[in-house]
Amino acid sequence: MNYQHYRATTLGTTLQETLEEMIQSGEITQELANAVLQKYDKSVTNALSKKVTTKINFTAGRLQTYRFCDNVWTLILKDVEFRKGQEVLQVDAVKVVACLGKSD
């Protein structure tokens, strides 16, 4: 299962802009650009699932908004506190996007 939401990151938008320029100049086809984006989706999803091992706990003052659509949860949390060991970070708002993962 691959998700396209990583395309909204700085790396993802830069990749999409570069691919679009290459399509416009005739260097690549739309089909090749789509294949590159699908590979990007798989690679980022795989890297994050295998390489990121740090765990952070958080508590939210309140849940402002939530939505569940196409097996994707979107939550807007207000007055959130993140904790990693003794480190504490407080923020006014956080958007959480959670997708169903693969079951092995």
N, C-alpha and C. Protein backbone atom coordinates (compact mmCIF):
# COMPACT_ATOMS: atom_id res chain seq x y z
N MET A 1 0.86 -1.17 0.00
CA MET A 1 0.00 0.00 0.00
C MET A 1 0.90 1.24 0.00
N ASN A 2 0.67 2.12 -0.93
CA ASN A 2 1.49 3.32 -1.04
C ASN A 2 0.61 4.55 -0.95
N TYR A 3 1.15 5.58 -0.39
CA TYR A 3 0.40 6.80 -0.18
C TYR A 3 1.08 7.96 -0.89
N GLN A 4 0.26 8.83 -1.44
CA GLN A 4 0.78 9.96 -2.19
C GLN A 4 0.95 11.20 -1.33
N HIS A 5 0.58 11.15 -0.04
CA HIS A 5 0.64 12.38 0.76
C HIS A 5 2.06 12.87 0.98
N TYR A 6 3.08 12.04 0.77
CA TYR A 6 4.46 12.51 0.90
C TYR A 6 4.86 13.41 -0.26
N ARG A 7 4.04 13.44 -1.31
CA ARG A 7 4.30 14.33 -2.43
C ARG A 7 4.11 15.79 -2.03
N ALA A 8 3.43 16.05 -0.93
CA ALA A 8 3.22 17.43 -0.46
C ALA A 8 4.41 17.96 0.33
N THR A 9 5.43 17.13 0.56
CA THR A 9 6.63 17.59 1.26
C THR A 9 7.47 18.44 0.30
N THR A 10 8.46 19.12 0.84
CA THR A 10 9.35 19.92 -0.01
C THR A 10 10.02 19.06 -1.07
N LEU A 11 10.49 17.89 -0.68
CA LEU A 11 11.13 16.99 -1.63
C LEU A 11 10.14 16.53 -2.70
N GLY A 12 8.94 16.18 -2.28
CA GLY A 12 7.93 15.72 -3.22
C GLY A 12 7.49 16.80 -4.21
N THR A 13 7.26 18.02 -3.72
CA THR A 13 6.85 19.09 -4.64
C THR A 13 7.98 19.46 -5.60
N THR A 14 9.21 19.45 -5.11
CA THR A 14 10.35 19.74 -5.98
C THR A 14 10.48 18.68 -7.07
N LEU A 15 10.30 17.42 -6.68
CA LEU A 15 10.35 16.34 -7.66
C LEU A 15 9.26 16.52 -8.71
N GLN A 16 8.04 16.82 -8.29
CA GLN A 16 6.94 17.01 -9.23
C GLN A 16 7.19 18.18 -10.17
N GLU A 17 7.72 19.28 -9.64
CA GLU A 17 8.03 20.44 -10.49
C GLU A 17 9.09 20.09 -11.53
N THR A 18 10.12 19.36 -11.10
CA THR A 18 11.19 18.97 -12.01
C THR A 18 10.67 18.04 -13.09
N LEU A 19 9.85 17.08 -12.71
CA LEU A 19 9.27 16.16 -13.70
C LEU A 19 8.38 16.92 -14.69
N GLU A 20 7.61 17.88 -14.20
CA GLU A 20 6.76 18.67 -15.08
C GLU A 20 7.59 19.47 -16.09
N GLU A 21 8.69 20.05 -15.63
CA GLU A 21 9.59 20.77 -16.54
C GLU A 21 10.15 19.83 -17.61
N MET A 22 10.50 18.62 -17.19
CA MET A 22 11.05 17.65 -18.14
C MET A 22 10.01 17.19 -19.15
N ILE A 23 8.77 17.08 -18.72
CA ILE A 23 7.68 16.73 -19.64
C ILE A 23 7.49 17.86 -20.65
N GLN A 24 7.45 19.10 -20.14
CA GLN A 24 7.23 20.26 -21.01
C GLN A 24 8.34 20.41 -22.05
N SER A 25 9.57 20.09 -21.67
CA SER A 25 10.68 20.22 -22.61
C SER A 25 10.83 18.99 -23.52
N GLY A 26 10.00 17.98 -23.29
CA GLY A 26 10.04 16.79 -24.14
C GLY A 26 11.10 15.78 -23.76
N GLU A 27 11.72 15.96 -22.60
CA GLU A 27 12.79 15.04 -22.18
C GLU A 27 12.24 13.69 -21.72
N ILE A 28 11.05 13.70 -21.11
CA ILE A 28 10.42 12.46 -20.65
C ILE A 28 8.93 12.50 -20.99
N THR A 29 8.29 11.34 -20.91
CA THR A 29 6.85 11.26 -21.15
C THR A 29 6.09 11.36 -19.83
N GLN A 30 4.80 11.61 -19.92
CA GLN A 30 3.94 11.64 -18.73
C GLN A 30 3.94 10.28 -18.04
N GLU A 31 3.98 9.21 -18.82
CA GLU A 31 3.99 7.86 -18.26
C GLU A 31 5.24 7.62 -17.41
N LEU A 32 6.39 8.10 -17.91
CA LEU A 32 7.62 7.94 -17.14
C LEU A 32 7.57 8.77 -15.86
N ALA A 33 7.04 9.97 -15.95
CA ALA A 33 6.90 10.82 -14.76
C ALA A 33 6.01 10.14 -13.73
N ASN A 34 4.91 9.55 -14.18
CA ASN A 34 4.02 8.83 -13.26
C ASN A 34 4.73 7.65 -12.60
N ALA A 35 5.55 6.94 -13.37
CA ALA A 35 6.30 5.81 -12.82
C ALA A 35 7.30 6.29 -11.76
N VAL A 36 7.95 7.42 -12.03
CA VAL A 36 8.91 7.98 -11.06
C VAL A 36 8.19 8.36 -9.77
N LEU A 37 7.02 8.99 -9.89
CA LEU A 37 6.26 9.38 -8.69
C LEU A 37 5.78 8.17 -7.90
N GLN A 38 5.38 7.12 -8.59
CA GLN A 38 4.97 5.90 -7.88
C GLN A 38 6.15 5.27 -7.16
N LYS A 39 7.32 5.29 -7.77
CA LYS A 39 8.53 4.77 -7.12
C LYS A 39 8.88 5.62 -5.91
N TYR A 40 8.74 6.94 -6.04
CA TYR A 40 8.97 7.86 -4.92
C TYR A 40 8.03 7.53 -3.76
N ASP A 41 6.74 7.34 -4.06
CA ASP A 41 5.77 7.00 -3.01
C ASP A 41 6.19 5.74 -2.26
N LYS A 42 6.56 4.70 -3.00
CA LYS A 42 6.98 3.44 -2.39
C LYS A 42 8.25 3.61 -1.57
N SER A 43 9.21 4.33 -2.12
CA SER A 43 10.50 4.49 -1.45
C SER A 43 10.38 5.26 -0.15
N VAL A 44 9.63 6.35 -0.15
CA VAL A 44 9.48 7.14 1.07
C VAL A 44 8.72 6.34 2.12
N THR A 45 7.65 5.70 1.72
CA THR A 45 6.88 4.88 2.67
C THR A 45 7.75 3.79 3.27
N ASN A 46 8.52 3.10 2.43
CA ASN A 46 9.41 2.03 2.89
C ASN A 46 10.50 2.57 3.82
N ALA A 47 11.13 3.66 3.43
CA ALA A 47 12.21 4.23 4.25
C ALA A 47 11.70 4.66 5.62
N LEU A 48 10.56 5.32 5.65
CA LEU A 48 10.04 5.77 6.94
C LEU A 48 9.64 4.60 7.83
N SER A 49 9.10 3.55 7.24
CA SER A 49 8.67 2.41 8.06
C SER A 49 9.86 1.62 8.61
N LYS A 50 10.99 1.63 7.91
CA LYS A 50 12.14 0.83 8.33
C LYS A 50 13.24 1.63 9.03
N LYS A 51 13.37 2.90 8.72
CA LYS A 51 14.50 3.68 9.22
C LYS A 51 14.18 4.53 10.44
N VAL A 52 12.94 4.95 10.59
CA VAL A 52 12.58 5.83 11.71
C VAL A 52 12.22 4.96 12.91
N THR A 53 13.02 5.11 13.98
CA THR A 53 12.79 4.28 15.17
C THR A 53 12.51 5.10 16.42
N THR A 54 12.63 6.41 16.35
CA THR A 54 12.39 7.25 17.52
C THR A 54 10.90 7.31 17.83
N LYS A 55 10.57 7.18 19.09
CA LYS A 55 9.18 7.28 19.52
C LYS A 55 9.00 8.54 20.35
N ILE A 56 7.91 9.23 20.08
CA ILE A 56 7.58 10.46 20.80
C ILE A 56 6.15 10.33 21.30
N ASN A 57 5.94 10.69 22.54
CA ASN A 57 4.58 10.70 23.10
C ASN A 57 4.02 12.11 23.00
N PHE A 58 2.71 12.20 22.82
CA PHE A 58 2.11 13.52 22.80
C PHE A 58 0.74 13.48 23.47
N THR A 59 0.37 14.61 24.01
CA THR A 59 -0.97 14.78 24.57
C THR A 59 -1.55 16.04 23.97
N ALA A 60 -2.84 15.99 23.71
CA ALA A 60 -3.52 17.13 23.10
C ALA A 60 -4.49 17.73 24.09
N GLY A 61 -4.53 19.06 24.10
CA GLY A 61 -5.50 19.75 24.93
C GLY A 61 -6.92 19.44 24.46
N ARG A 62 -7.09 19.46 23.13
CA ARG A 62 -8.41 19.13 22.58
C ARG A 62 -8.31 18.75 21.11
N LEU A 63 -9.28 18.00 20.67
CA LEU A 63 -9.42 17.62 19.28
C LEU A 63 -10.34 18.64 18.63
N GLN A 64 -9.81 19.41 17.68
CA GLN A 64 -10.63 20.45 17.05
C GLN A 64 -11.47 19.88 15.91
N THR A 65 -10.83 19.08 15.03
CA THR A 65 -11.52 18.55 13.85
C THR A 65 -11.02 17.15 13.57
N TYR A 66 -11.90 16.31 13.05
CA TYR A 66 -11.46 15.00 12.59
C TYR A 66 -12.25 14.61 11.35
N ARG A 67 -11.62 13.79 10.50
CA ARG A 67 -12.29 13.33 9.28
C ARG A 67 -11.70 11.96 8.93
N PHE A 68 -12.57 11.08 8.44
CA PHE A 68 -12.15 9.77 7.97
C PHE A 68 -12.69 9.59 6.56
N CYS A 69 -11.80 9.51 5.59
CA CYS A 69 -12.21 9.38 4.20
C CYS A 69 -11.21 8.49 3.47
N ASP A 70 -11.71 7.52 2.74
CA ASP A 70 -10.85 6.61 1.96
C ASP A 70 -9.76 5.98 2.80
N ASN A 71 -10.11 5.52 3.99
CA ASN A 71 -9.18 4.86 4.92
C ASN A 71 -8.05 5.77 5.39
N VAL A 72 -8.26 7.07 5.39
CA VAL A 72 -7.28 8.04 5.87
C VAL A 72 -7.94 8.91 6.94
N TRP A 73 -7.34 8.92 8.13
CA TRP A 73 -7.79 9.80 9.20
C TRP A 73 -7.02 11.10 9.13
N THR A 74 -7.72 12.21 9.26
CA THR A 74 -7.10 13.53 9.38
C THR A 74 -7.61 14.14 10.68
N LEU A 75 -6.68 14.50 11.57
CA LEU A 75 -7.03 15.07 12.87
C LEU A 75 -6.35 16.42 13.02
N ILE A 76 -7.06 17.40 13.54
CA ILE A 76 -6.48 18.69 13.89
C ILE A 76 -6.54 18.78 15.41
N LEU A 77 -5.37 18.81 16.04
CA LEU A 77 -5.26 18.84 17.49
C LEU A 77 -4.79 20.23 17.94
N LYS A 78 -5.33 20.71 19.03
CA LYS A 78 -4.95 22.02 19.58
C LYS A 78 -4.24 21.84 20.91
N ASP A 79 -3.33 22.77 21.22
CA ASP A 79 -2.60 22.78 22.49
C ASP A 79 -1.93 21.42 22.75
N VAL A 80 -1.00 21.08 21.88
CA VAL A 80 -0.37 19.75 21.91
C VAL A 80 1.00 19.85 22.59
N GLU A 81 1.30 18.82 23.38
CA GLU A 81 2.59 18.72 24.05
C GLU A 81 3.26 17.43 23.61
N PHE A 82 4.46 17.55 23.05
CA PHE A 82 5.25 16.39 22.63
C PHE A 82 6.33 16.14 23.67
N ARG A 83 6.58 14.84 23.98
CA ARG A 83 7.61 14.47 24.94
C ARG A 83 8.48 13.36 24.35
N LYS A 84 9.79 13.60 24.45
CA LYS A 84 10.78 12.57 24.09
C LYS A 84 11.78 12.57 25.23
N GLY A 85 11.66 11.61 26.11
CA GLY A 85 12.49 11.58 27.31
C GLY A 85 12.17 12.80 28.17
N GLN A 86 13.17 13.59 28.46
CA GLN A 86 12.98 14.80 29.27
C GLN A 86 12.65 16.03 28.42
N GLU A 87 12.78 15.92 27.10
CA GLU A 87 12.50 17.04 26.22
C GLU A 87 10.99 17.23 26.06
N VAL A 88 10.55 18.50 26.12
CA VAL A 88 9.13 18.81 25.97
C VAL A 88 8.99 19.94 24.95
N LEU A 89 8.07 19.77 24.03
CA LEU A 89 7.77 20.80 23.04
C LEU A 89 6.27 21.04 23.04
N GLN A 90 5.86 22.28 23.19
CA GLN A 90 4.45 22.63 23.18
C GLN A 90 4.14 23.43 21.92
N VAL A 91 3.06 23.05 21.24
CA VAL A 91 2.65 23.75 20.02
C VAL A 91 1.17 24.06 20.08
N ASP A 92 0.77 25.07 19.33
CA ASP A 92 -0.64 25.49 19.33
C ASP A 92 -1.54 24.51 18.59
N ALA A 93 -1.07 24.00 17.45
CA ALA A 93 -1.90 23.12 16.64
C ALA A 93 -1.04 22.14 15.86
N VAL A 94 -1.61 20.95 15.63
CA VAL A 94 -0.93 19.91 14.86
C VAL A 94 -1.96 19.23 13.97
N LYS A 95 -1.55 18.96 12.73
CA LYS A 95 -2.38 18.19 11.81
C LYS A 95 -1.78 16.80 11.71
N VAL A 96 -2.57 15.78 11.99
CA VAL A 96 -2.13 14.39 11.94
C VAL A 96 -2.87 13.71 10.80
N VAL A 97 -2.12 13.07 9.90
CA VAL A 97 -2.70 12.28 8.83
C VAL A 97 -2.25 10.84 9.06
N ALA A 98 -3.21 9.95 9.26
CA ALA A 98 -2.90 8.55 9.57
C ALA A 98 -3.59 7.64 8.57
N CYS A 99 -2.80 6.71 8.02
CA CYS A 99 -3.31 5.78 7.01
C CYS A 99 -3.19 4.36 7.52
N LEU A 100 -4.01 3.49 6.99
CA LEU A 100 -3.92 2.08 7.32
C LEU A 100 -2.59 1.54 6.80
N GLY A 101 -1.91 0.78 7.61
CA GLY A 101 -0.63 0.20 7.22
C GLY A 101 -0.80 -1.22 6.76
N LYS A 102 0.28 -1.79 6.24
CA LYS A 102 0.26 -3.18 5.83
C LYS A 102 0.23 -4.07 7.07
N SER A 103 -0.53 -5.12 7.02
CA SER A 103 -0.48 -6.11 8.10
C SER A 103 0.35 -7.28 7.59
N ASP A 104 1.42 -7.56 8.31
CA ASP A 104 2.34 -8.62 7.87
C ASP A 104 1.93 -9.95 8.43
